[in-house]
N, C-alpha and C. Protein backbone atom coordinates (compact mmCIF):
# COMPACT_ATOMS: atom_id res chain seq x y z
N MET A 1 9.40 -4.83 -2.88
CA MET A 1 8.42 -4.57 -1.86
C MET A 1 8.08 -5.87 -1.14
N ARG A 2 7.84 -5.80 0.15
CA ARG A 2 7.43 -6.97 0.94
C ARG A 2 5.91 -6.96 1.03
N ILE A 3 5.32 -8.02 0.50
CA ILE A 3 3.86 -8.06 0.39
C ILE A 3 3.32 -9.32 1.04
N LEU A 4 2.32 -9.13 1.89
CA LEU A 4 1.61 -10.24 2.53
C LEU A 4 0.32 -10.48 1.77
N VAL A 5 0.07 -11.73 1.40
CA VAL A 5 -1.17 -12.11 0.75
C VAL A 5 -1.96 -12.98 1.73
N VAL A 6 -3.16 -12.51 2.04
CA VAL A 6 -4.05 -13.22 2.95
C VAL A 6 -5.26 -13.63 2.14
N GLY A 7 -5.60 -14.90 2.18
CA GLY A 7 -6.78 -15.31 1.43
C GLY A 7 -6.91 -16.79 1.28
N GLY A 8 -7.84 -17.17 0.47
CA GLY A 8 -8.15 -18.58 0.26
C GLY A 8 -7.15 -19.28 -0.63
N ALA A 9 -7.60 -20.36 -1.20
CA ALA A 9 -6.73 -21.20 -2.01
C ALA A 9 -7.15 -21.21 -3.47
N GLY A 10 -7.89 -20.21 -3.90
CA GLY A 10 -8.43 -20.20 -5.26
C GLY A 10 -7.48 -19.68 -6.31
N GLN A 11 -7.97 -19.65 -7.53
CA GLN A 11 -7.19 -19.22 -8.68
C GLN A 11 -6.74 -17.76 -8.58
N THR A 12 -7.58 -16.90 -8.02
CA THR A 12 -7.22 -15.48 -7.91
C THR A 12 -5.98 -15.31 -7.04
N VAL A 13 -5.96 -15.99 -5.91
CA VAL A 13 -4.80 -15.90 -5.01
C VAL A 13 -3.55 -16.40 -5.71
N ARG A 14 -3.65 -17.51 -6.41
CA ARG A 14 -2.51 -18.05 -7.14
C ARG A 14 -2.01 -17.05 -8.20
N HIS A 15 -2.94 -16.47 -8.93
CA HIS A 15 -2.57 -15.49 -9.96
C HIS A 15 -1.87 -14.28 -9.34
N VAL A 16 -2.44 -13.76 -8.26
CA VAL A 16 -1.85 -12.60 -7.57
C VAL A 16 -0.43 -12.92 -7.13
N MET A 17 -0.24 -14.08 -6.50
CA MET A 17 1.09 -14.43 -6.00
C MET A 17 2.09 -14.64 -7.14
N ARG A 18 1.67 -15.32 -8.21
CA ARG A 18 2.57 -15.51 -9.36
C ARG A 18 3.00 -14.17 -9.94
N SER A 19 2.06 -13.26 -10.08
CA SER A 19 2.35 -11.95 -10.65
C SER A 19 3.31 -11.17 -9.75
N LEU A 20 3.06 -11.17 -8.47
CA LEU A 20 3.94 -10.46 -7.53
C LEU A 20 5.36 -11.03 -7.56
N LEU A 21 5.47 -12.34 -7.55
CA LEU A 21 6.79 -12.98 -7.60
C LEU A 21 7.49 -12.68 -8.92
N ALA A 22 6.75 -12.68 -10.02
CA ALA A 22 7.33 -12.39 -11.34
C ALA A 22 7.88 -10.98 -11.41
N HIS A 23 7.31 -10.08 -10.62
CA HIS A 23 7.77 -8.70 -10.60
C HIS A 23 8.84 -8.46 -9.53
N GLY A 24 9.31 -9.53 -8.90
CA GLY A 24 10.44 -9.43 -7.99
C GLY A 24 10.10 -9.05 -6.55
N HIS A 25 8.84 -9.08 -6.19
CA HIS A 25 8.46 -8.74 -4.82
C HIS A 25 8.74 -9.90 -3.87
N GLU A 26 8.95 -9.57 -2.60
CA GLU A 26 9.08 -10.58 -1.56
C GLU A 26 7.67 -10.88 -1.07
N VAL A 27 7.19 -12.09 -1.31
CA VAL A 27 5.80 -12.43 -1.02
C VAL A 27 5.72 -13.44 0.12
N THR A 28 4.88 -13.11 1.09
CA THR A 28 4.55 -14.03 2.17
C THR A 28 3.07 -14.31 2.06
N ALA A 29 2.70 -15.57 2.17
CA ALA A 29 1.30 -15.96 2.10
C ALA A 29 0.88 -16.54 3.44
N LEU A 30 -0.25 -16.06 3.95
CA LEU A 30 -0.83 -16.66 5.14
C LEU A 30 -1.72 -17.80 4.68
N ALA A 31 -1.35 -19.01 5.02
CA ALA A 31 -2.03 -20.19 4.50
C ALA A 31 -2.82 -20.91 5.59
N GLY A 32 -4.06 -21.14 5.29
CA GLY A 32 -4.91 -21.94 6.16
C GLY A 32 -4.81 -23.41 5.78
N PRO A 33 -5.61 -24.24 6.42
CA PRO A 33 -5.52 -25.68 6.18
C PRO A 33 -5.91 -26.10 4.77
N SER A 34 -6.70 -25.30 4.07
CA SER A 34 -7.14 -25.70 2.72
C SER A 34 -6.21 -25.24 1.62
N ALA A 35 -5.13 -24.57 1.97
CA ALA A 35 -4.21 -24.04 0.96
C ALA A 35 -3.51 -25.18 0.23
N CYS A 36 -3.71 -25.22 -1.07
CA CYS A 36 -3.11 -26.29 -1.86
C CYS A 36 -2.09 -25.76 -2.84
N TRP A 37 -1.68 -24.51 -2.73
CA TRP A 37 -0.76 -23.88 -3.67
C TRP A 37 0.62 -23.72 -3.07
N LEU A 38 0.92 -24.43 -2.02
CA LEU A 38 2.18 -24.20 -1.31
C LEU A 38 3.41 -24.48 -2.16
N ASP A 39 3.25 -25.25 -3.23
CA ASP A 39 4.39 -25.53 -4.11
C ASP A 39 4.42 -24.58 -5.30
N LEU A 40 3.73 -23.49 -5.20
CA LEU A 40 3.60 -22.52 -6.29
C LEU A 40 4.95 -22.01 -6.77
N ASP A 41 5.83 -21.67 -5.85
CA ASP A 41 7.13 -21.11 -6.21
C ASP A 41 8.04 -21.23 -4.99
N PRO A 42 9.28 -21.66 -5.18
CA PRO A 42 10.18 -21.81 -4.03
C PRO A 42 10.51 -20.49 -3.33
N ARG A 43 10.29 -19.35 -4.02
CA ARG A 43 10.56 -18.05 -3.40
C ARG A 43 9.43 -17.59 -2.50
N LEU A 44 8.29 -18.25 -2.58
CA LEU A 44 7.13 -17.87 -1.77
C LEU A 44 7.36 -18.27 -0.32
N ARG A 45 7.21 -17.30 0.57
CA ARG A 45 7.29 -17.59 2.01
C ARG A 45 5.89 -17.93 2.48
N VAL A 46 5.76 -19.03 3.19
CA VAL A 46 4.45 -19.47 3.65
C VAL A 46 4.41 -19.44 5.17
N ALA A 47 3.39 -18.77 5.71
CA ALA A 47 3.15 -18.75 7.14
C ALA A 47 1.81 -19.45 7.37
N ARG A 48 1.82 -20.49 8.16
CA ARG A 48 0.58 -21.20 8.47
C ARG A 48 -0.14 -20.46 9.59
N GLY A 49 -1.45 -20.35 9.45
CA GLY A 49 -2.20 -19.68 10.51
C GLY A 49 -3.65 -19.46 10.15
N ASP A 50 -4.33 -18.79 11.05
CA ASP A 50 -5.76 -18.54 10.94
C ASP A 50 -6.01 -17.04 10.98
N VAL A 51 -6.74 -16.52 9.99
CA VAL A 51 -7.00 -15.08 9.93
C VAL A 51 -7.82 -14.59 11.10
N ARG A 52 -8.47 -15.49 11.80
CA ARG A 52 -9.28 -15.09 12.96
C ARG A 52 -8.44 -14.92 14.23
N ASP A 53 -7.17 -15.30 14.16
CA ASP A 53 -6.26 -15.23 15.30
C ASP A 53 -5.45 -13.93 15.21
N ALA A 54 -5.73 -13.00 16.09
CA ALA A 54 -5.09 -11.67 16.06
C ALA A 54 -3.57 -11.78 16.19
N ARG A 55 -3.07 -12.67 17.02
CA ARG A 55 -1.61 -12.82 17.19
C ARG A 55 -0.97 -13.33 15.90
N CYS A 56 -1.65 -14.24 15.26
CA CYS A 56 -1.15 -14.78 13.99
C CYS A 56 -1.06 -13.65 12.95
N ILE A 57 -2.09 -12.84 12.87
CA ILE A 57 -2.10 -11.72 11.92
C ILE A 57 -0.98 -10.75 12.25
N GLU A 58 -0.78 -10.44 13.51
CA GLU A 58 0.32 -9.55 13.90
C GLU A 58 1.66 -10.11 13.47
N ARG A 59 1.85 -11.40 13.68
CA ARG A 59 3.12 -12.05 13.34
C ARG A 59 3.43 -11.91 11.85
N VAL A 60 2.44 -12.06 10.99
CA VAL A 60 2.71 -12.02 9.55
C VAL A 60 2.68 -10.61 8.97
N VAL A 61 1.99 -9.68 9.62
CA VAL A 61 1.94 -8.29 9.13
C VAL A 61 3.24 -7.55 9.45
N ALA A 62 3.89 -7.92 10.54
CA ALA A 62 5.14 -7.26 10.91
C ALA A 62 6.14 -7.32 9.75
N ASN A 63 6.79 -6.22 9.48
CA ASN A 63 7.82 -6.11 8.43
C ASN A 63 7.29 -6.20 7.00
N GLN A 64 6.01 -5.93 6.79
CA GLN A 64 5.45 -5.92 5.44
C GLN A 64 5.24 -4.47 5.00
N ASP A 65 5.24 -4.27 3.70
CA ASP A 65 4.96 -2.95 3.14
C ASP A 65 3.51 -2.83 2.69
N VAL A 66 2.94 -3.95 2.25
CA VAL A 66 1.59 -3.98 1.69
C VAL A 66 0.91 -5.27 2.15
N VAL A 67 -0.40 -5.19 2.35
CA VAL A 67 -1.21 -6.38 2.61
C VAL A 67 -2.25 -6.48 1.51
N ILE A 68 -2.36 -7.66 0.90
CA ILE A 68 -3.41 -7.93 -0.08
C ILE A 68 -4.30 -9.00 0.53
N SER A 69 -5.57 -8.66 0.69
CA SER A 69 -6.54 -9.59 1.25
C SER A 69 -7.46 -10.06 0.14
N CYS A 70 -7.41 -11.36 -0.13
CA CYS A 70 -8.26 -11.97 -1.17
C CYS A 70 -9.32 -12.82 -0.48
N ARG A 71 -10.55 -12.48 -0.68
CA ARG A 71 -11.63 -13.21 -0.04
C ARG A 71 -12.63 -13.67 -1.08
N GLY A 72 -13.01 -14.92 -0.99
CA GLY A 72 -14.05 -15.46 -1.85
C GLY A 72 -15.41 -14.95 -1.41
N VAL A 73 -16.33 -14.93 -2.34
CA VAL A 73 -17.67 -14.42 -2.05
C VAL A 73 -18.32 -15.19 -0.91
N THR A 74 -18.17 -16.50 -0.89
CA THR A 74 -18.82 -17.28 0.16
C THR A 74 -18.24 -16.96 1.54
N ALA A 75 -16.92 -16.90 1.62
CA ALA A 75 -16.29 -16.59 2.90
C ALA A 75 -16.58 -15.15 3.30
N PHE A 76 -16.53 -14.25 2.32
CA PHE A 76 -16.72 -12.83 2.62
C PHE A 76 -18.16 -12.52 3.01
N ALA A 77 -19.10 -13.32 2.51
CA ALA A 77 -20.51 -13.09 2.82
C ALA A 77 -20.79 -13.35 4.29
N ARG A 78 -19.98 -14.17 4.91
CA ARG A 78 -20.17 -14.43 6.34
C ARG A 78 -19.66 -13.22 7.10
N THR A 79 -20.59 -12.42 7.60
CA THR A 79 -20.25 -11.15 8.23
C THR A 79 -19.31 -11.31 9.40
N ASP A 80 -19.46 -12.38 10.20
CA ASP A 80 -18.58 -12.55 11.35
C ASP A 80 -17.13 -12.70 10.93
N ILE A 81 -16.85 -13.47 9.90
CA ILE A 81 -15.47 -13.63 9.44
C ILE A 81 -14.96 -12.33 8.84
N GLN A 82 -15.78 -11.68 8.06
CA GLN A 82 -15.39 -10.40 7.46
C GLN A 82 -15.01 -9.40 8.55
N ASP A 83 -15.82 -9.28 9.57
CA ASP A 83 -15.54 -8.35 10.67
C ASP A 83 -14.26 -8.71 11.41
N ILE A 84 -14.09 -9.97 11.72
CA ILE A 84 -12.91 -10.41 12.47
C ILE A 84 -11.63 -10.17 11.67
N VAL A 85 -11.63 -10.57 10.39
CA VAL A 85 -10.44 -10.39 9.55
C VAL A 85 -10.11 -8.91 9.41
N THR A 86 -11.12 -8.10 9.15
CA THR A 86 -10.90 -6.66 8.98
C THR A 86 -10.34 -6.03 10.25
N ARG A 87 -10.92 -6.37 11.39
CA ARG A 87 -10.41 -5.83 12.67
C ARG A 87 -8.97 -6.27 12.92
N ASN A 88 -8.69 -7.55 12.70
CA ASN A 88 -7.34 -8.06 12.94
C ASN A 88 -6.31 -7.41 12.02
N LEU A 89 -6.65 -7.29 10.74
CA LEU A 89 -5.73 -6.64 9.81
C LEU A 89 -5.53 -5.18 10.16
N ASP A 90 -6.61 -4.48 10.46
CA ASP A 90 -6.52 -3.07 10.79
C ASP A 90 -5.64 -2.85 12.02
N ALA A 91 -5.86 -3.64 13.06
CA ALA A 91 -5.08 -3.48 14.29
C ALA A 91 -3.59 -3.77 14.04
N ALA A 92 -3.30 -4.84 13.34
CA ALA A 92 -1.90 -5.20 13.09
C ALA A 92 -1.22 -4.18 12.17
N MET A 93 -1.93 -3.74 11.15
CA MET A 93 -1.34 -2.76 10.24
C MET A 93 -1.08 -1.44 10.95
N THR A 94 -1.98 -1.03 11.81
CA THR A 94 -1.79 0.19 12.59
C THR A 94 -0.59 0.04 13.51
N LYS A 95 -0.51 -1.09 14.18
CA LYS A 95 0.59 -1.34 15.13
C LYS A 95 1.95 -1.29 14.44
N PHE A 96 2.05 -1.84 13.22
CA PHE A 96 3.34 -1.92 12.54
C PHE A 96 3.53 -0.88 11.44
N GLY A 97 2.59 0.06 11.33
CA GLY A 97 2.75 1.16 10.39
C GLY A 97 2.61 0.78 8.92
N VAL A 98 1.89 -0.28 8.64
CA VAL A 98 1.65 -0.69 7.25
C VAL A 98 0.49 0.14 6.73
N LYS A 99 0.71 0.91 5.68
CA LYS A 99 -0.27 1.87 5.22
C LYS A 99 -1.07 1.45 4.00
N ARG A 100 -0.65 0.36 3.34
CA ARG A 100 -1.32 -0.04 2.09
C ARG A 100 -2.06 -1.35 2.27
N LEU A 101 -3.35 -1.34 1.95
CA LEU A 101 -4.19 -2.54 1.99
C LEU A 101 -4.98 -2.61 0.69
N VAL A 102 -4.90 -3.77 0.05
CA VAL A 102 -5.71 -4.02 -1.15
C VAL A 102 -6.67 -5.14 -0.80
N ASN A 103 -7.96 -4.88 -0.97
CA ASN A 103 -8.99 -5.90 -0.73
C ASN A 103 -9.51 -6.38 -2.07
N LEU A 104 -9.42 -7.68 -2.31
CA LEU A 104 -9.97 -8.27 -3.52
C LEU A 104 -11.09 -9.20 -3.14
N LEU A 105 -12.25 -8.95 -3.67
CA LEU A 105 -13.39 -9.83 -3.46
C LEU A 105 -13.51 -10.68 -4.71
N THR A 106 -13.32 -11.99 -4.55
CA THR A 106 -13.31 -12.87 -5.71
C THR A 106 -14.55 -13.72 -5.79
């Protein structure tokens, strides 16, 4: 399965990506400037970008089967970011026919 992981740079995101890769999935991670796990696994595809940028979200959602959104409590508590990320993911997933979304609040 082709899976996009969107989220921060915390332990939960690292655990999710390691588990997905261990199960043989094709994993793409949308990485912001604070992402420090880029050397996690050579099979991990990394796309640099900003979740608030709708074009960026469209670019990484295209050709995915599943999107996993991992948000930290502090980031998720900011309603403006939560709304923007949700709208961008929803629009891109609708456009490209991606039907599965997993939201993890960490």
